[in-house]
Every structure is written in C-alpha cells, then in structure tokens.
Amino acid sequence: MLSRRSIAPLLALVLASVSLGAQAADGLVRVASEHSVAETADRLVTNLEARGMTVFDRIDHRAGAEGVGLTLSPTEVVVFGNPKAGTPLMQCAPSVAIDLPLKALVWQDADGNVWLGYNDPAYLAERHNIQGCDAVLAKMTQALANFARQATTD
C-alpha cells in the first residue's frame, strides 16, 4: 500500500509532466523544445550553472559522428549534478550511482522537432528500489521539470 509520502514524488512528476506537455516512456521524460538543439542545450547549461549545479560535460554526438565521416542529426548530452541531491540517493540505494550524475539529452528528430529528455526520477526509484528518499526524489522531479521548461520555452 502506498503511503502519502510515497505518493508525493509520483504526484509531483505527474503534475510536472502535464504542465510541460512532456511525454514519458520507458523512464525517459521527453519535452518538446521551441529552440534549436544548440540553443536548448545552451539554455539548459546556463540555467543549471545559475542554480549552483555542476555541469561536468557537454557531449556533441553529431560532431563525433562527423569526425569519423558519418552523419547524425543534432544530438547533445549535458552531464550535470549536485552532491546535495545525489549523495542522499546513493545512501538510500548505492546502485543509483550508475545513473548519476544526471544527464539531459537534446536531439532533433527526423521531422525536425527538437526534444529534451531526461531520466524520470520515479523510474530511477523503481529501477534501484530506492526507499526512504521520497523528499529528495520529489525535489529532483520538480527541479528537472523546471530546468526542462526553462530550457525549452521562452
């Protein structure tokens, strides 16, 4: 049976997804962007850094493909995190470290639409059987939804 505490992160995720028009499947939250891949990733990095997050890397997969003579639509990954959020999750379930730091994928699909995607914290909680970190998961869910919204809309 679900307690009120365990429902809070799930409810926050549902509300964030509905308000963003986000799509989630297989643990990946997808948010449509009004901007190009590069601009969406730039906006995300700027916002993450302004909120005290550490941006560890920004990977341009398209440039990597071009470097070996292949083509790929614009595709970037931003790797970021904050030990204040990640450490408590790892204390609750050490295996979640494989999914930390967090990542955001920004890509252009075959129709020219740009998307920002990230792992759903509820998916991480289920995948790693995280117990006792409901407040951290709820904050992470809200923060990720806010970062995505700020990166993808004006």
N, C-alpha and C. Protein backbone atom coordinates (compact mmCIF):
# COMPACT_ATOMS: atom_id res chain seq x y z
N MET A 1 0.84 -1.17 0.00
CA MET A 1 0.00 0.00 0.00
C MET A 1 0.89 1.24 0.00
N LEU A 2 0.53 2.23 -0.80
CA LEU A 2 1.30 3.46 -0.89
C LEU A 2 0.94 4.40 0.25
N SER A 3 1.96 4.98 0.86
CA SER A 3 1.73 5.98 1.89
C SER A 3 1.65 7.35 1.24
N ARG A 4 1.21 8.34 2.01
CA ARG A 4 1.17 9.70 1.47
C ARG A 4 2.56 10.15 1.07
N ARG A 5 3.57 9.75 1.81
CA ARG A 5 4.94 10.13 1.49
C ARG A 5 5.40 9.54 0.16
N SER A 6 5.02 8.32 -0.12
CA SER A 6 5.47 7.70 -1.37
C SER A 6 4.68 8.21 -2.57
N ILE A 7 3.51 8.77 -2.33
CA ILE A 7 2.70 9.30 -3.41
C ILE A 7 3.19 10.68 -3.85
N ALA A 8 3.79 11.44 -2.94
CA ALA A 8 4.20 12.82 -3.24
C ALA A 8 5.11 12.91 -4.46
N PRO A 9 6.19 12.10 -4.55
CA PRO A 9 7.05 12.23 -5.73
C PRO A 9 6.31 11.86 -7.02
N LEU A 10 5.46 10.86 -6.94
CA LEU A 10 4.71 10.45 -8.11
C LEU A 10 3.75 11.56 -8.54
N LEU A 11 3.06 12.16 -7.60
CA LEU A 11 2.15 13.25 -7.91
C LEU A 11 2.89 14.44 -8.49
N ALA A 12 4.05 14.77 -7.93
CA ALA A 12 4.83 15.89 -8.45
C ALA A 12 5.24 15.63 -9.89
N LEU A 13 5.63 14.40 -10.18
CA LEU A 13 6.02 14.06 -11.55
C LEU A 13 4.85 14.18 -12.51
N VAL A 14 3.71 13.67 -12.10
CA VAL A 14 2.52 13.74 -12.97
C VAL A 14 2.16 15.19 -13.24
N LEU A 15 2.14 16.01 -12.20
CA LEU A 15 1.80 17.41 -12.38
C LEU A 15 2.81 18.12 -13.26
N ALA A 16 4.09 17.84 -13.06
CA ALA A 16 5.12 18.47 -13.89
C ALA A 16 4.97 18.03 -15.34
N SER A 17 4.71 16.77 -15.57
CA SER A 17 4.57 16.27 -16.93
C SER A 17 3.37 16.88 -17.62
N VAL A 18 2.27 16.98 -16.91
CA VAL A 18 1.07 17.55 -17.51
C VAL A 18 1.30 19.02 -17.82
N SER A 19 1.92 19.75 -16.91
CA SER A 19 2.10 21.18 -17.13
C SER A 19 3.10 21.46 -18.23
N LEU A 20 4.03 20.56 -18.48
CA LEU A 20 5.02 20.77 -19.52
C LEU A 20 4.60 20.21 -20.86
N GLY A 21 3.56 19.42 -20.88
CA GLY A 21 3.23 18.73 -22.12
C GLY A 21 4.29 17.67 -22.40
N ALA A 22 4.92 17.19 -21.36
CA ALA A 22 6.00 16.22 -21.51
C ALA A 22 5.43 14.84 -21.82
N GLN A 23 6.26 14.05 -22.45
CA GLN A 23 5.92 12.67 -22.74
C GLN A 23 6.92 11.79 -22.00
N ALA A 24 6.45 10.70 -21.42
CA ALA A 24 7.36 9.79 -20.72
C ALA A 24 7.08 8.37 -21.20
N ALA A 25 8.13 7.67 -21.55
CA ALA A 25 8.03 6.27 -21.93
C ALA A 25 9.35 5.61 -21.56
N ASP A 26 9.28 4.43 -21.03
CA ASP A 26 10.49 3.69 -20.69
C ASP A 26 11.41 4.48 -19.77
N GLY A 27 10.84 5.28 -18.88
CA GLY A 27 11.64 6.02 -17.92
C GLY A 27 12.25 7.30 -18.44
N LEU A 28 11.97 7.67 -19.67
CA LEU A 28 12.53 8.89 -20.24
C LEU A 28 11.43 9.93 -20.38
N VAL A 29 11.62 11.08 -19.73
CA VAL A 29 10.70 12.20 -19.88
C VAL A 29 11.16 12.98 -21.10
N ARG A 30 10.26 13.25 -22.02
CA ARG A 30 10.56 13.99 -23.25
C ARG A 30 9.76 15.28 -23.27
N VAL A 31 10.46 16.39 -23.50
CA VAL A 31 9.81 17.70 -23.54
C VAL A 31 10.15 18.36 -24.87
N ALA A 32 9.14 18.78 -25.62
CA ALA A 32 9.35 19.47 -26.89
C ALA A 32 9.99 20.83 -26.64
N SER A 33 10.93 21.21 -27.51
CA SER A 33 11.60 22.49 -27.38
C SER A 33 11.21 23.44 -28.50
N GLU A 34 11.14 24.71 -28.16
CA GLU A 34 10.87 25.76 -29.15
C GLU A 34 12.16 26.25 -29.80
N HIS A 35 13.29 25.71 -29.39
CA HIS A 35 14.60 26.20 -29.82
C HIS A 35 15.38 25.10 -30.55
N SER A 36 16.48 25.49 -31.17
CA SER A 36 17.37 24.52 -31.80
C SER A 36 18.02 23.66 -30.73
N VAL A 37 18.68 22.59 -31.15
CA VAL A 37 19.39 21.73 -30.21
C VAL A 37 20.45 22.54 -29.47
N ALA A 38 21.27 23.28 -30.20
CA ALA A 38 22.35 24.04 -29.57
C ALA A 38 21.81 25.07 -28.59
N GLU A 39 20.76 25.80 -28.99
CA GLU A 39 20.21 26.82 -28.11
C GLU A 39 19.55 26.19 -26.88
N THR A 40 18.86 25.08 -27.07
CA THR A 40 18.24 24.39 -25.93
C THR A 40 19.32 23.94 -24.95
N ALA A 41 20.39 23.34 -25.45
CA ALA A 41 21.48 22.90 -24.58
C ALA A 41 22.17 24.09 -23.92
N ASP A 42 22.37 25.18 -24.66
CA ASP A 42 22.97 26.40 -24.08
C ASP A 42 22.10 26.92 -22.93
N ARG A 43 20.81 26.99 -23.16
CA ARG A 43 19.88 27.49 -22.15
C ARG A 43 19.88 26.58 -20.92
N LEU A 44 19.94 25.28 -21.15
CA LEU A 44 19.98 24.33 -20.05
C LEU A 44 21.24 24.53 -19.21
N VAL A 45 22.39 24.58 -19.86
CA VAL A 45 23.67 24.75 -19.15
C VAL A 45 23.67 26.06 -18.36
N THR A 46 23.23 27.14 -18.97
CA THR A 46 23.19 28.44 -18.29
C THR A 46 22.32 28.37 -17.04
N ASN A 47 21.15 27.75 -17.17
CA ASN A 47 20.24 27.65 -16.04
C ASN A 47 20.78 26.73 -14.95
N LEU A 48 21.36 25.61 -15.33
CA LEU A 48 21.93 24.69 -14.34
C LEU A 48 23.01 25.39 -13.53
N GLU A 49 23.91 26.07 -14.23
CA GLU A 49 25.02 26.75 -13.54
C GLU A 49 24.50 27.88 -12.65
N ALA A 50 23.47 28.60 -13.11
CA ALA A 50 22.90 29.69 -12.32
C ALA A 50 22.25 29.17 -11.04
N ARG A 51 21.85 27.90 -11.02
CA ARG A 51 21.21 27.29 -9.85
C ARG A 51 22.20 26.49 -9.01
N GLY A 52 23.49 26.65 -9.29
CA GLY A 52 24.51 26.01 -8.46
C GLY A 52 24.81 24.56 -8.81
N MET A 53 24.29 24.10 -9.93
CA MET A 53 24.58 22.72 -10.35
C MET A 53 25.95 22.70 -11.03
N THR A 54 26.60 21.57 -10.96
CA THR A 54 27.87 21.38 -11.66
C THR A 54 27.58 20.76 -13.01
N VAL A 55 28.06 21.39 -14.07
CA VAL A 55 27.97 20.81 -15.41
C VAL A 55 29.32 20.13 -15.67
N PHE A 56 29.30 18.80 -15.71
CA PHE A 56 30.52 18.03 -15.85
C PHE A 56 31.00 17.93 -17.28
N ASP A 57 30.03 17.87 -18.22
CA ASP A 57 30.42 17.70 -19.62
C ASP A 57 29.24 18.05 -20.51
N ARG A 58 29.57 18.36 -21.74
CA ARG A 58 28.59 18.57 -22.80
C ARG A 58 29.13 17.83 -24.01
N ILE A 59 28.40 16.83 -24.43
CA ILE A 59 28.87 15.94 -25.50
C ILE A 59 28.07 16.21 -26.76
N ASP A 60 28.78 16.54 -27.84
CA ASP A 60 28.15 16.80 -29.14
C ASP A 60 28.33 15.53 -29.98
N HIS A 61 27.32 14.68 -30.00
CA HIS A 61 27.39 13.42 -30.74
C HIS A 61 27.46 13.64 -32.24
N ARG A 62 26.85 14.70 -32.73
CA ARG A 62 26.90 15.00 -34.16
C ARG A 62 28.34 15.28 -34.57
N ALA A 63 29.06 16.08 -33.79
CA ALA A 63 30.46 16.37 -34.09
C ALA A 63 31.30 15.10 -34.06
N GLY A 64 31.01 14.21 -33.11
CA GLY A 64 31.73 12.94 -33.05
C GLY A 64 31.49 12.10 -34.29
N ALA A 65 30.25 12.07 -34.75
CA ALA A 65 29.93 11.32 -35.97
C ALA A 65 30.65 11.91 -37.17
N GLU A 66 30.62 13.24 -37.27
CA GLU A 66 31.29 13.89 -38.40
C GLU A 66 32.79 13.61 -38.38
N GLY A 67 33.35 13.49 -37.18
CA GLY A 67 34.78 13.22 -37.04
C GLY A 67 35.20 11.88 -37.61
N VAL A 68 34.26 10.97 -37.78
CA VAL A 68 34.57 9.66 -38.37
C VAL A 68 33.85 9.47 -39.71
N GLY A 69 33.43 10.60 -40.31
CA GLY A 69 32.84 10.54 -41.64
C GLY A 69 31.39 10.07 -41.69
N LEU A 70 30.67 10.14 -40.58
CA LEU A 70 29.27 9.74 -40.55
C LEU A 70 28.39 10.96 -40.30
N THR A 71 27.10 10.80 -40.57
CA THR A 71 26.17 11.90 -40.34
C THR A 71 25.21 11.53 -39.22
N LEU A 72 24.79 12.55 -38.50
CA LEU A 72 23.84 12.39 -37.41
C LEU A 72 23.13 13.72 -37.24
N SER A 73 21.85 13.66 -36.97
CA SER A 73 21.13 14.91 -36.70
C SER A 73 21.68 15.51 -35.40
N PRO A 74 21.46 16.80 -35.19
CA PRO A 74 21.99 17.42 -33.97
C PRO A 74 21.55 16.66 -32.72
N THR A 75 22.54 16.26 -31.92
CA THR A 75 22.30 15.46 -30.73
C THR A 75 23.37 15.80 -29.69
N GLU A 76 22.94 16.31 -28.53
CA GLU A 76 23.87 16.67 -27.47
C GLU A 76 23.41 16.08 -26.15
N VAL A 77 24.39 15.76 -25.30
CA VAL A 77 24.12 15.29 -23.95
C VAL A 77 24.81 16.24 -22.98
N VAL A 78 24.07 16.68 -21.97
CA VAL A 78 24.63 17.51 -20.91
C VAL A 78 24.65 16.65 -19.64
N VAL A 79 25.84 16.55 -19.04
CA VAL A 79 26.02 15.75 -17.83
C VAL A 79 26.15 16.73 -16.66
N PHE A 80 25.31 16.57 -15.65
CA PHE A 80 25.28 17.54 -14.56
C PHE A 80 24.85 16.89 -13.25
N GLY A 81 25.08 17.59 -12.16
CA GLY A 81 24.64 17.06 -10.89
C GLY A 81 24.94 17.99 -9.74
N ASN A 82 24.58 17.51 -8.55
CA ASN A 82 24.80 18.22 -7.31
C ASN A 82 24.89 17.18 -6.21
N PRO A 83 26.01 17.11 -5.50
CA PRO A 83 26.15 16.11 -4.44
C PRO A 83 25.10 16.21 -3.34
N LYS A 84 24.50 17.40 -3.15
CA LYS A 84 23.47 17.54 -2.13
C LYS A 84 22.25 16.69 -2.44
N ALA A 85 21.98 16.46 -3.71
CA ALA A 85 20.85 15.62 -4.10
C ALA A 85 21.28 14.19 -4.38
N GLY A 86 22.41 14.03 -5.05
CA GLY A 86 22.85 12.70 -5.44
C GLY A 86 23.31 11.84 -4.28
N THR A 87 24.01 12.43 -3.33
CA THR A 87 24.54 11.65 -2.21
C THR A 87 23.43 10.99 -1.38
N PRO A 88 22.37 11.72 -1.00
CA PRO A 88 21.30 11.04 -0.26
C PRO A 88 20.67 9.88 -1.04
N LEU A 89 20.56 10.03 -2.35
CA LEU A 89 20.01 8.92 -3.14
C LEU A 89 20.94 7.71 -3.09
N MET A 90 22.24 7.97 -3.19
CA MET A 90 23.20 6.86 -3.12
C MET A 90 23.23 6.23 -1.73
N GLN A 91 22.95 7.02 -0.69
CA GLN A 91 22.86 6.47 0.66
C GLN A 91 21.65 5.55 0.79
N CYS A 92 20.58 5.89 0.10
CA CYS A 92 19.37 5.06 0.12
C CYS A 92 19.52 3.81 -0.74
N ALA A 93 20.22 3.94 -1.85
CA ALA A 93 20.39 2.82 -2.79
C ALA A 93 21.69 3.04 -3.57
N PRO A 94 22.79 2.43 -3.13
CA PRO A 94 24.09 2.68 -3.78
C PRO A 94 24.11 2.42 -5.29
N SER A 95 23.27 1.53 -5.78
CA SER A 95 23.29 1.22 -7.21
C SER A 95 22.85 2.39 -8.08
N VAL A 96 22.14 3.39 -7.51
CA VAL A 96 21.71 4.53 -8.31
C VAL A 96 22.91 5.32 -8.82
N ALA A 97 24.08 5.11 -8.24
CA ALA A 97 25.29 5.80 -8.69
C ALA A 97 25.58 5.54 -10.17
N ILE A 98 25.13 4.42 -10.70
CA ILE A 98 25.35 4.13 -12.13
C ILE A 98 24.59 5.13 -13.00
N ASP A 99 23.53 5.73 -12.47
CA ASP A 99 22.73 6.70 -13.22
C ASP A 99 23.04 8.15 -12.82
N LEU A 100 24.05 8.33 -11.99
CA LEU A 100 24.46 9.66 -11.58
C LEU A 100 25.89 9.91 -12.03
N PRO A 101 26.29 11.12 -12.38
CA PRO A 101 25.44 12.30 -12.39
C PRO A 101 24.33 12.18 -13.43
N LEU A 102 23.39 13.10 -13.31
CA LEU A 102 22.24 13.12 -14.21
C LEU A 102 22.68 13.53 -15.61
N LYS A 103 21.84 13.19 -16.58
CA LYS A 103 22.10 13.55 -17.97
C LYS A 103 20.82 14.08 -18.60
N ALA A 104 21.00 15.03 -19.50
CA ALA A 104 19.89 15.51 -20.32
C ALA A 104 20.30 15.32 -21.77
N LEU A 105 19.43 14.74 -22.54
CA LEU A 105 19.66 14.53 -23.97
C LEU A 105 18.83 15.55 -24.74
N VAL A 106 19.48 16.25 -25.67
CA VAL A 106 18.78 17.20 -26.54
C VAL A 106 19.03 16.73 -27.97
N TRP A 107 17.96 16.49 -28.72
CA TRP A 107 18.12 15.96 -30.07
C TRP A 107 17.05 16.48 -31.01
N GLN A 108 17.36 16.38 -32.29
CA GLN A 108 16.41 16.74 -33.34
C GLN A 108 15.95 15.45 -34.00
N ASP A 109 14.64 15.26 -34.07
CA ASP A 109 14.12 14.04 -34.68
C ASP A 109 14.05 14.17 -36.21
N ALA A 110 13.61 13.11 -36.87
CA ALA A 110 13.57 13.07 -38.33
C ALA A 110 12.63 14.12 -38.93
N ASP A 111 11.67 14.59 -38.15
CA ASP A 111 10.73 15.61 -38.62
C ASP A 111 11.22 17.02 -38.33
N GLY A 112 12.41 17.14 -37.75
CA GLY A 112 12.96 18.45 -37.44
C GLY A 112 12.55 19.00 -36.07
N ASN A 113 11.80 18.23 -35.31
CA ASN A 113 11.40 18.65 -33.97
C ASN A 113 12.56 18.47 -33.01
N VAL A 114 12.69 19.40 -32.05
CA VAL A 114 13.75 19.31 -31.05
C VAL A 114 13.14 18.90 -29.72
N TRP A 115 13.83 18.00 -29.05
CA TRP A 115 13.37 17.42 -27.78
C TRP A 115 14.47 17.51 -26.74
N LEU A 116 14.04 17.62 -25.48
CA LEU A 116 14.93 17.49 -24.35
C LEU A 116 14.41 16.32 -23.53
N GLY A 117 15.28 15.37 -23.23
CA GLY A 117 14.87 14.20 -22.47
C GLY A 117 15.78 13.96 -21.28
N TYR A 118 15.21 13.37 -20.24
CA TYR A 118 16.00 13.02 -19.05
C TYR A 118 15.32 11.85 -18.35
N ASN A 119 16.10 11.16 -17.52
CA ASN A 119 15.56 10.03 -16.77
C ASN A 119 14.56 10.51 -15.73
N ASP A 120 13.42 9.89 -15.72
CA ASP A 120 12.37 10.17 -14.76
C ASP A 120 12.84 9.71 -13.38
N PRO A 121 12.86 10.58 -12.37
CA PRO A 121 13.27 10.14 -11.03
C PRO A 121 12.43 8.97 -10.50
N ALA A 122 11.15 8.90 -10.86
CA ALA A 122 10.32 7.77 -10.43
C ALA A 122 10.85 6.46 -11.05
N TYR A 123 11.34 6.54 -12.28
CA TYR A 123 11.94 5.38 -12.92
C TYR A 123 13.21 4.96 -12.18
N LEU A 124 14.04 5.95 -11.82
CA LEU A 124 15.26 5.64 -11.07
C LEU A 124 14.92 5.00 -9.73
N ALA A 125 13.89 5.53 -9.06
CA ALA A 125 13.47 4.98 -7.77
C ALA A 125 13.05 3.52 -7.92
N GLU A 126 12.30 3.24 -8.96
CA GLU A 126 11.85 1.87 -9.19
C GLU A 126 13.01 0.98 -9.60
N ARG A 127 13.82 1.46 -10.52
CA ARG A 127 14.95 0.66 -11.03
C ARG A 127 15.89 0.24 -9.91
N HIS A 128 16.12 1.16 -8.96
CA HIS A 128 17.10 0.90 -7.90
C HIS A 128 16.46 0.61 -6.55
N ASN A 129 15.14 0.46 -6.53
CA ASN A 129 14.41 0.16 -5.30
C ASN A 129 14.79 1.15 -4.19
N ILE A 130 14.72 2.43 -4.53
CA ILE A 130 15.09 3.47 -3.58
C ILE A 130 13.98 3.61 -2.53
N GLN A 131 14.37 3.45 -1.28
CA GLN A 131 13.44 3.55 -0.16
C GLN A 131 13.92 4.66 0.78
N GLY A 132 13.00 5.44 1.31
CA GLY A 132 13.34 6.43 2.31
C GLY A 132 13.88 7.74 1.77
N CYS A 133 13.76 7.98 0.49
CA CYS A 133 14.26 9.22 -0.12
C CYS A 133 13.17 9.95 -0.87
N ASP A 134 11.94 9.84 -0.39
CA ASP A 134 10.82 10.44 -1.11
C ASP A 134 10.97 11.95 -1.27
N ALA A 135 11.44 12.64 -0.24
CA ALA A 135 11.58 14.09 -0.32
C ALA A 135 12.63 14.48 -1.35
N VAL A 136 13.74 13.75 -1.39
CA VAL A 136 14.80 14.03 -2.36
C VAL A 136 14.29 13.78 -3.78
N LEU A 137 13.58 12.68 -3.97
CA LEU A 137 13.03 12.37 -5.28
C LEU A 137 12.01 13.41 -5.73
N ALA A 138 11.19 13.89 -4.80
CA ALA A 138 10.19 14.92 -5.15
C ALA A 138 10.89 16.22 -5.57
N LYS A 139 11.93 16.61 -4.83
CA LYS A 139 12.67 17.83 -5.18
C LYS A 139 13.36 17.67 -6.53
N MET A 140 13.93 16.48 -6.77
CA MET A 140 14.61 16.23 -8.04
C MET A 140 13.61 16.27 -9.19
N THR A 141 12.45 15.69 -8.99
CA THR A 141 11.41 15.68 -10.03
C THR A 141 11.02 17.11 -10.39
N GLN A 142 10.80 17.92 -9.38
CA GLN A 142 10.41 19.31 -9.62
C GLN A 142 11.53 20.10 -10.28
N ALA A 143 12.76 19.92 -9.79
CA ALA A 143 13.91 20.66 -10.35
C ALA A 143 14.11 20.31 -11.82
N LEU A 144 14.07 19.02 -12.15
CA LEU A 144 14.27 18.61 -13.54
C LEU A 144 13.18 19.17 -14.44
N ALA A 145 11.94 19.15 -13.97
CA ALA A 145 10.85 19.71 -14.76
C ALA A 145 11.07 21.21 -14.99
N ASN A 146 11.52 21.91 -13.95
CA ASN A 146 11.80 23.35 -14.09
C ASN A 146 12.94 23.61 -15.06
N PHE A 147 14.03 22.85 -14.93
CA PHE A 147 15.17 23.02 -15.84
C PHE A 147 14.73 22.77 -17.29
N ALA A 148 13.94 21.73 -17.50
CA ALA A 148 13.47 21.40 -18.85
C ALA A 148 12.59 22.52 -19.40
N ARG A 149 11.67 23.01 -18.59
CA ARG A 149 10.77 24.07 -19.04
C ARG A 149 11.56 25.33 -19.41
N GLN A 150 12.51 25.71 -18.57
CA GLN A 150 13.27 26.92 -18.82
C GLN A 150 14.18 26.79 -20.06
N ALA A 151 14.63 25.59 -20.34
CA ALA A 151 15.49 25.38 -21.50
C ALA A 151 14.72 25.31 -22.81
N THR A 152 13.46 24.89 -22.74
CA THR A 152 12.71 24.59 -23.97
C THR A 152 11.69 25.65 -24.37
N THR A 153 11.32 26.53 -23.45
CA THR A 153 10.31 27.54 -23.78
C THR A 153 10.86 28.94 -23.52
N ASP A 154 10.19 29.94 -24.10
CA ASP A 154 10.62 31.33 -23.88
C ASP A 154 10.19 31.85 -22.54
